[in-house]
Amino acid sequence: MFGYIRVREEELRLRDYALYRGVYCGLCKTMKKYTGISSPLTLTYDFVLLALFRSGLSEEGFSVRPGRCAAHPLKKRPMALSNSSLCYVSSVASVLTYYKLIDDKNDKDKKFRALLTPAVSVAGHNMKKAIKAFPEFRLEELAEKTGFYLGKLSELENSADATADRCADVFGSLLAEVFLHCAGESEFSENCKKIGYHTGRWIYFTDLCDDFENDKKKKAFNPLLTSGFSELPTDYLRATLFRESSLALREFSAVRIKYGDITNIIDNIFRYGMPNVTEKILKLNQAQLPEAQK
């Protein structure tokens, strides 16, 4: 995923923030162990959200202890001990990374395709390693759906019908499948599917906003540009992004998780974190405009 999903730290209790950071560090360590030493290079806090859902729905919880790692050898940091939820999300991350790199490779010119070839090979090896290590996670099923939706998105983005809303809908459908797969047999699986859908739409629109000025300079694909917008439609995007994060929050309010710290973090992400990212990106793009256009 893209790395946009974060908490708003000042709205989170210290003990909950320690768990949030601990899950990230625990994912990093678990990925190194099970999906290849290079796999943590693709780790973002987006995957922490998925790990929190998996752990909360399965009632597994997390054990967090102070620990050191190669990246931070001098000072101990909170680190979640490896468990089934961290192994699951590490494996899912390997699937999403592989198919995202395949999609990037197909969309690039010959020069960049050659540069991406080694990365695709390594990611494919990491995914196969995860599939072999954890057959109980049914990763082949998720891999098939990921390939289908990213292929569908690529086709749409290269067609005359590529609007921001249509593209976001396809990416939302992909995340819906990811969250549904994550929920497993939970009674809240349908809520999780809708959470994934609205989160995926939010991610896609956020990425369009973040890349808008750069895409405009490079004349790269951006459905906002192909729809005729010469400047970022800030009011429309703010309303769209707040709607998607609000709908995700509404669905989450129906999900019962017995661990208060996990609930607090997920609620913070939808209620404060995602809207905060929205405002930061929109203000950053506004600041890049020439003075006469503000």
Protein backbone atom coordinates (compact mmCIF):
# COMPACT_ATOMS: atom_id res chain seq x y z
CA MET A 1 0.00 0.00 0.00
CA PHE A 2 1.00 3.64 -0.16
CA GLY A 3 1.87 4.66 3.40
CA TYR A 4 -0.83 7.29 3.91
CA ILE A 5 -2.73 5.57 6.73
CA ARG A 6 -1.45 6.91 10.03
CA VAL A 7 -2.70 7.78 13.49
CA ARG A 8 -2.86 11.35 14.76
CA GLU A 9 -0.37 11.06 17.59
CA GLU A 10 -1.61 13.93 19.75
CA GLU A 11 -5.06 12.30 19.93
CA LEU A 12 -3.71 8.93 21.08
CA ARG A 13 -2.81 7.79 24.60
CA LEU A 14 0.88 7.04 25.18
CA ARG A 15 0.25 3.35 25.92
CA ASP A 16 -1.79 2.99 22.72
CA TYR A 17 0.87 4.76 20.67
CA ALA A 18 3.48 2.38 22.12
CA LEU A 19 1.39 -0.55 20.86
CA TYR A 20 1.00 1.10 17.46
CA ARG A 21 4.77 1.52 17.12
CA GLY A 22 5.35 -1.92 18.59
CA VAL A 23 3.17 -3.60 15.97
CA TYR A 24 5.14 -1.83 13.22
CA CYS A 25 8.45 -3.05 14.66
CA GLY A 26 7.02 -6.52 15.20
CA LEU A 27 5.91 -6.64 11.56
CA CYS A 28 9.38 -5.61 10.44
CA LYS A 29 11.02 -8.40 12.40
CA THR A 30 8.43 -10.99 11.31
CA MET A 31 8.80 -10.02 7.65
CA LYS A 32 12.57 -10.47 7.83
CA LYS A 33 12.13 -13.93 9.29
CA TYR A 34 9.40 -15.32 7.02
CA THR A 35 9.24 -13.32 3.78
CA GLY A 36 12.84 -12.36 3.03
CA ILE A 37 15.42 -10.01 4.49
CA SER A 38 14.57 -7.32 1.91
CA SER A 39 10.79 -7.45 2.48
CA PRO A 40 10.69 -4.82 5.30
CA LEU A 41 11.71 -2.24 2.68
CA THR A 42 8.06 -2.32 1.57
CA LEU A 43 6.62 -2.01 5.09
CA THR A 44 4.35 0.97 5.80
CA TYR A 45 1.98 1.82 8.64
CA ASP A 46 -0.90 0.85 6.35
CA PHE A 47 -0.11 -2.77 7.22
CA VAL A 48 -0.31 -1.98 10.94
CA LEU A 49 -4.02 -1.26 10.44
CA LEU A 50 -4.48 -4.69 8.87
CA ALA A 51 -2.54 -6.35 11.70
CA LEU A 52 -4.69 -4.60 14.31
CA PHE A 53 -7.86 -5.83 12.60
CA ARG A 54 -6.57 -9.40 12.31
CA SER A 55 -5.46 -9.51 15.93
CA GLY A 56 -8.60 -7.88 17.28
CA LEU A 57 -11.02 -10.04 15.30
CA SER A 58 -9.19 -13.25 16.18
CA GLU A 59 -8.98 -12.16 19.85
CA GLU A 60 -5.28 -12.92 19.79
CA GLY A 61 -3.98 -9.59 21.07
CA PHE A 62 -0.34 -8.52 21.18
CA SER A 63 2.49 -8.89 23.67
CA VAL A 64 4.81 -5.88 23.49
CA ARG A 65 8.30 -5.89 24.98
CA PRO A 66 11.26 -3.48 24.74
CA GLY A 67 13.69 -4.64 22.08
CA ARG A 68 16.50 -3.64 19.75
CA CYS A 69 16.93 -4.19 16.03
CA ALA A 70 19.58 -3.59 13.38
CA ALA A 71 17.97 -0.30 12.39
CA HIS A 72 17.88 0.97 15.99
CA PRO A 73 20.63 -0.87 17.87
CA LEU A 74 21.32 1.69 20.62
CA LYS A 75 17.91 2.32 22.13
CA LYS A 76 15.25 -0.22 22.98
CA ARG A 77 11.88 0.32 21.34
CA PRO A 78 8.46 -1.25 21.96
CA MET A 79 8.23 -4.38 19.83
CA ALA A 80 5.29 -6.75 19.45
CA LEU A 81 6.30 -10.37 19.73
CA SER A 82 5.65 -12.42 16.60
CA ASN A 83 2.25 -14.09 16.53
CA SER A 84 -0.21 -15.45 13.98
CA SER A 85 -1.56 -11.98 13.12
CA LEU A 86 1.89 -10.59 12.36
CA CYS A 87 2.75 -13.67 10.29
CA TYR A 88 -0.51 -13.28 8.39
CA VAL A 89 -0.02 -9.60 7.56
CA SER A 90 3.64 -10.17 6.63
CA SER A 91 2.44 -12.80 4.15
CA VAL A 92 -0.30 -10.56 2.76
CA ALA A 93 2.24 -7.76 2.34
CA SER A 94 4.39 -10.08 0.21
CA VAL A 95 1.41 -10.76 -2.09
CA LEU A 96 0.45 -7.10 -2.47
CA THR A 97 4.06 -6.06 -3.03
CA TYR A 98 4.61 -8.64 -5.78
CA TYR A 99 1.50 -7.73 -7.76
CA LYS A 100 2.08 -4.01 -7.29
CA LEU A 101 5.57 -4.38 -8.76
CA ILE A 102 4.17 -6.43 -11.65
CA ASP A 103 1.65 -3.66 -12.29
CA ASP A 104 4.36 -0.98 -12.12
CA LYS A 105 6.54 -2.93 -14.50
CA ASN A 106 3.75 -3.28 -17.05
CA ASP A 107 3.05 0.45 -16.93
CA LYS A 108 6.66 1.63 -17.33
CA ASP A 109 8.73 2.10 -20.47
CA LYS A 110 11.45 -0.38 -21.46
CA LYS A 111 14.16 1.37 -19.43
CA PHE A 112 12.23 1.20 -16.16
CA ARG A 113 10.97 -2.29 -16.87
CA ALA A 114 14.56 -3.48 -16.93
CA LEU A 115 15.22 -1.74 -13.60
CA LEU A 116 12.17 -3.32 -12.00
CA THR A 117 12.88 -6.86 -13.20
CA PRO A 118 15.22 -7.81 -10.30
CA ALA A 119 12.78 -6.36 -7.74
CA VAL A 120 9.91 -8.37 -9.25
CA SER A 121 12.01 -11.52 -9.07
CA VAL A 122 12.87 -10.98 -5.39
CA ALA A 123 9.25 -10.12 -4.53
CA GLY A 124 8.03 -13.25 -6.31
CA HIS A 125 10.47 -15.37 -4.32
CA ASN A 126 9.32 -13.72 -1.07
CA MET A 127 5.66 -14.38 -1.90
CA LYS A 128 6.31 -18.04 -2.72
CA LYS A 129 8.20 -18.37 0.55
CA ALA A 130 5.19 -16.99 2.46
CA ILE A 131 2.74 -19.26 0.63
CA LYS A 132 4.85 -22.31 1.47
CA ALA A 133 5.35 -21.28 5.11
CA PHE A 134 1.69 -20.54 5.83
CA PRO A 135 -0.67 -22.72 3.75
CA GLU A 136 -3.43 -22.06 6.31
CA PHE A 137 -3.64 -18.42 5.19
CA ARG A 138 -4.96 -19.33 1.70
CA LEU A 139 -2.69 -16.76 0.06
CA GLU A 140 -3.20 -18.20 -3.44
CA GLU A 141 -6.83 -17.07 -3.28
CA LEU A 142 -5.82 -13.54 -2.29
CA ALA A 143 -3.08 -13.47 -4.92
CA GLU A 144 -5.58 -14.34 -7.65
CA LYS A 145 -7.94 -11.54 -6.62
CA THR A 146 -5.10 -9.03 -6.25
CA GLY A 147 -3.84 -9.79 -9.75
CA PHE A 148 -7.38 -9.50 -11.12
CA TYR A 149 -8.15 -6.09 -9.61
CA LEU A 150 -4.76 -4.54 -10.34
CA GLY A 151 -5.06 -5.79 -13.93
CA LYS A 152 -8.55 -4.30 -14.14
CA LEU A 153 -7.26 -1.01 -12.73
CA SER A 154 -4.40 -0.93 -15.24
CA GLU A 155 -6.81 -1.51 -18.13
CA LEU A 156 -9.10 1.26 -16.89
CA GLU A 157 -6.25 3.72 -16.40
CA ASN A 158 -5.18 3.14 -20.00
CA SER A 159 -8.67 3.62 -21.41
CA ALA A 160 -10.74 6.67 -22.33
CA ASP A 161 -13.12 5.85 -19.45
CA ALA A 162 -10.57 6.51 -16.69
CA THR A 163 -12.16 8.89 -14.20
CA ALA A 164 -10.90 9.32 -10.66
CA ASP A 165 -14.09 7.85 -9.21
CA ARG A 166 -14.04 4.75 -11.43
CA CYS A 167 -10.38 4.06 -10.72
CA ALA A 168 -10.89 4.58 -6.98
CA ASP A 169 -13.81 2.16 -7.10
CA VAL A 170 -11.60 -0.61 -8.51
CA PHE A 171 -8.87 -0.02 -5.93
CA GLY A 172 -11.54 0.08 -3.24
CA SER A 173 -12.81 -3.29 -4.45
CA LEU A 174 -9.29 -4.69 -4.13
CA LEU A 175 -8.93 -3.47 -0.54
CA ALA A 176 -12.41 -4.82 0.20
CA GLU A 177 -11.16 -8.29 -0.75
CA VAL A 178 -8.02 -7.83 1.35
CA PHE A 179 -10.00 -6.85 4.46
CA LEU A 180 -12.55 -9.60 3.87
CA HIS A 181 -9.73 -12.14 3.60
CA CYS A 182 -8.24 -10.69 6.78
CA ALA A 183 -11.54 -11.02 8.66
CA GLY A 184 -11.85 -14.72 7.82
CA GLU A 185 -14.86 -16.31 9.51
CA SER A 186 -15.56 -13.33 11.76
CA GLU A 187 -19.18 -12.27 12.21
CA PHE A 188 -18.02 -8.78 11.20
CA SER A 189 -16.58 -9.85 7.86
CA GLU A 190 -19.08 -7.79 5.83
CA ASN A 191 -18.31 -4.70 7.89
CA CYS A 192 -14.61 -5.29 7.30
CA LYS A 193 -15.21 -5.64 3.56
CA LYS A 194 -16.92 -2.24 3.50
CA ILE A 195 -14.15 -0.75 5.64
CA GLY A 196 -11.62 -2.02 3.10
CA TYR A 197 -13.64 -0.60 0.21
CA HIS A 198 -13.87 2.92 1.65
CA THR A 199 -10.25 2.80 2.84
CA GLY A 200 -9.12 1.76 -0.64
CA ARG A 201 -11.04 4.60 -2.26
CA TRP A 202 -9.54 7.02 0.26
CA ILE A 203 -6.02 5.76 -0.50
CA TYR A 204 -6.49 6.10 -4.26
CA PHE A 205 -7.87 9.64 -4.08
CA THR A 206 -5.15 10.64 -1.59
CA ASP A 207 -2.45 9.35 -3.92
CA LEU A 208 -3.96 11.33 -6.81
CA CYS A 209 -3.83 14.49 -4.70
CA ASP A 210 -0.29 13.84 -3.55
CA ASP A 211 0.99 13.21 -7.09
CA PHE A 212 -1.06 15.88 -8.89
CA GLU A 213 1.54 18.63 -9.30
CA ASN A 214 4.33 16.19 -10.15
CA ASP A 215 2.12 14.36 -12.67
CA LYS A 216 1.17 17.68 -14.25
CA LYS A 217 4.82 18.70 -14.67
CA LYS A 218 5.83 15.33 -16.11
CA LYS A 219 2.62 14.96 -18.14
CA ALA A 220 2.09 11.61 -16.45
CA PHE A 221 -1.26 9.86 -16.10
CA ASN A 222 -3.58 11.22 -13.45
CA PRO A 223 -7.35 10.86 -13.92
CA LEU A 224 -7.89 14.30 -12.42
CA LEU A 225 -5.78 15.76 -15.23
CA THR A 226 -7.44 13.67 -17.95
CA SER A 227 -10.83 14.80 -16.58
CA GLY A 228 -9.87 18.38 -17.42
CA PHE A 229 -8.70 19.77 -14.08
CA SER A 230 -5.71 22.09 -14.54
CA GLU A 231 -5.60 22.75 -10.78
CA LEU A 232 -6.44 20.45 -7.91
CA PRO A 233 -10.22 20.57 -7.20
CA THR A 234 -9.65 21.05 -3.48
CA ASP A 235 -13.25 21.39 -2.30
CA TYR A 236 -14.42 18.33 -4.23
CA LEU A 237 -11.49 16.24 -3.01
CA ARG A 238 -11.82 17.34 0.60
CA ALA A 239 -15.50 16.35 0.58
CA THR A 240 -14.74 13.03 -1.13
CA LEU A 241 -11.91 12.10 1.20
CA PHE A 242 -13.79 13.02 4.37
CA ARG A 243 -16.79 11.03 3.15
CA GLU A 244 -14.70 7.89 2.61
CA SER A 245 -12.96 8.07 6.00
CA SER A 246 -16.32 8.79 7.70
CA LEU A 247 -17.96 5.79 6.02
CA ALA A 248 -15.05 3.57 7.09
CA LEU A 249 -15.46 4.86 10.66
CA ARG A 250 -19.20 4.19 10.55
CA GLU A 251 -18.63 0.57 9.54
CA PHE A 252 -15.96 0.16 12.21
CA SER A 253 -18.39 1.38 14.88
CA ALA A 254 -20.35 -1.85 14.29
CA VAL A 255 -17.28 -4.06 14.86
CA ARG A 256 -16.79 -5.29 18.43
CA ILE A 257 -13.19 -5.88 19.50
CA LYS A 258 -12.57 -6.80 23.12
CA TYR A 259 -9.16 -5.11 23.31
CA GLY A 260 -9.62 -1.42 24.12
CA ASP A 261 -6.15 -0.42 22.96
CA ILE A 262 -6.69 -1.93 19.49
CA THR A 263 -10.11 -0.27 19.23
CA ASN A 264 -8.64 3.09 20.28
CA ILE A 265 -5.94 2.96 17.61
CA ILE A 266 -8.25 1.95 14.75
CA ASP A 267 -10.81 4.57 15.79
CA ASN A 268 -8.03 7.18 15.88
CA ILE A 269 -6.93 6.28 12.35
CA PHE A 270 -10.39 6.74 10.83
CA ARG A 271 -11.55 9.62 13.04
CA TYR A 272 -8.38 11.73 13.20
CA GLY A 273 -5.47 10.23 11.28
CA MET A 274 -6.93 9.99 7.78
CA PRO A 275 -8.63 13.43 7.90
CA ASN A 276 -5.36 14.90 9.18
CA VAL A 277 -3.45 13.42 6.22
CA THR A 278 -6.13 14.81 3.88
CA GLU A 279 -5.64 18.35 5.19
CA LYS A 280 -1.85 18.13 5.08
CA ILE A 281 -1.77 16.99 1.46
CA LEU A 282 -4.37 19.51 0.28
CA LYS A 283 -2.58 22.37 2.04
CA LEU A 284 0.75 21.25 0.61
CA ASN A 285 -0.67 21.33 -2.92
CA GLN A 286 -2.24 24.74 -2.26
CA ALA A 287 1.13 26.06 -1.09
CA GLN A 288 2.71 24.99 -4.40
CA LEU A 289 0.39 27.20 -6.45
CA PRO A 290 1.67 30.51 -7.87
CA GLU A 291 0.60 33.44 -5.70
CA ALA A 292 -1.81 34.74 -8.33
CA GLN A 293 -3.81 31.48 -8.28
CA LYS A 294 -4.34 31.30 -4.51
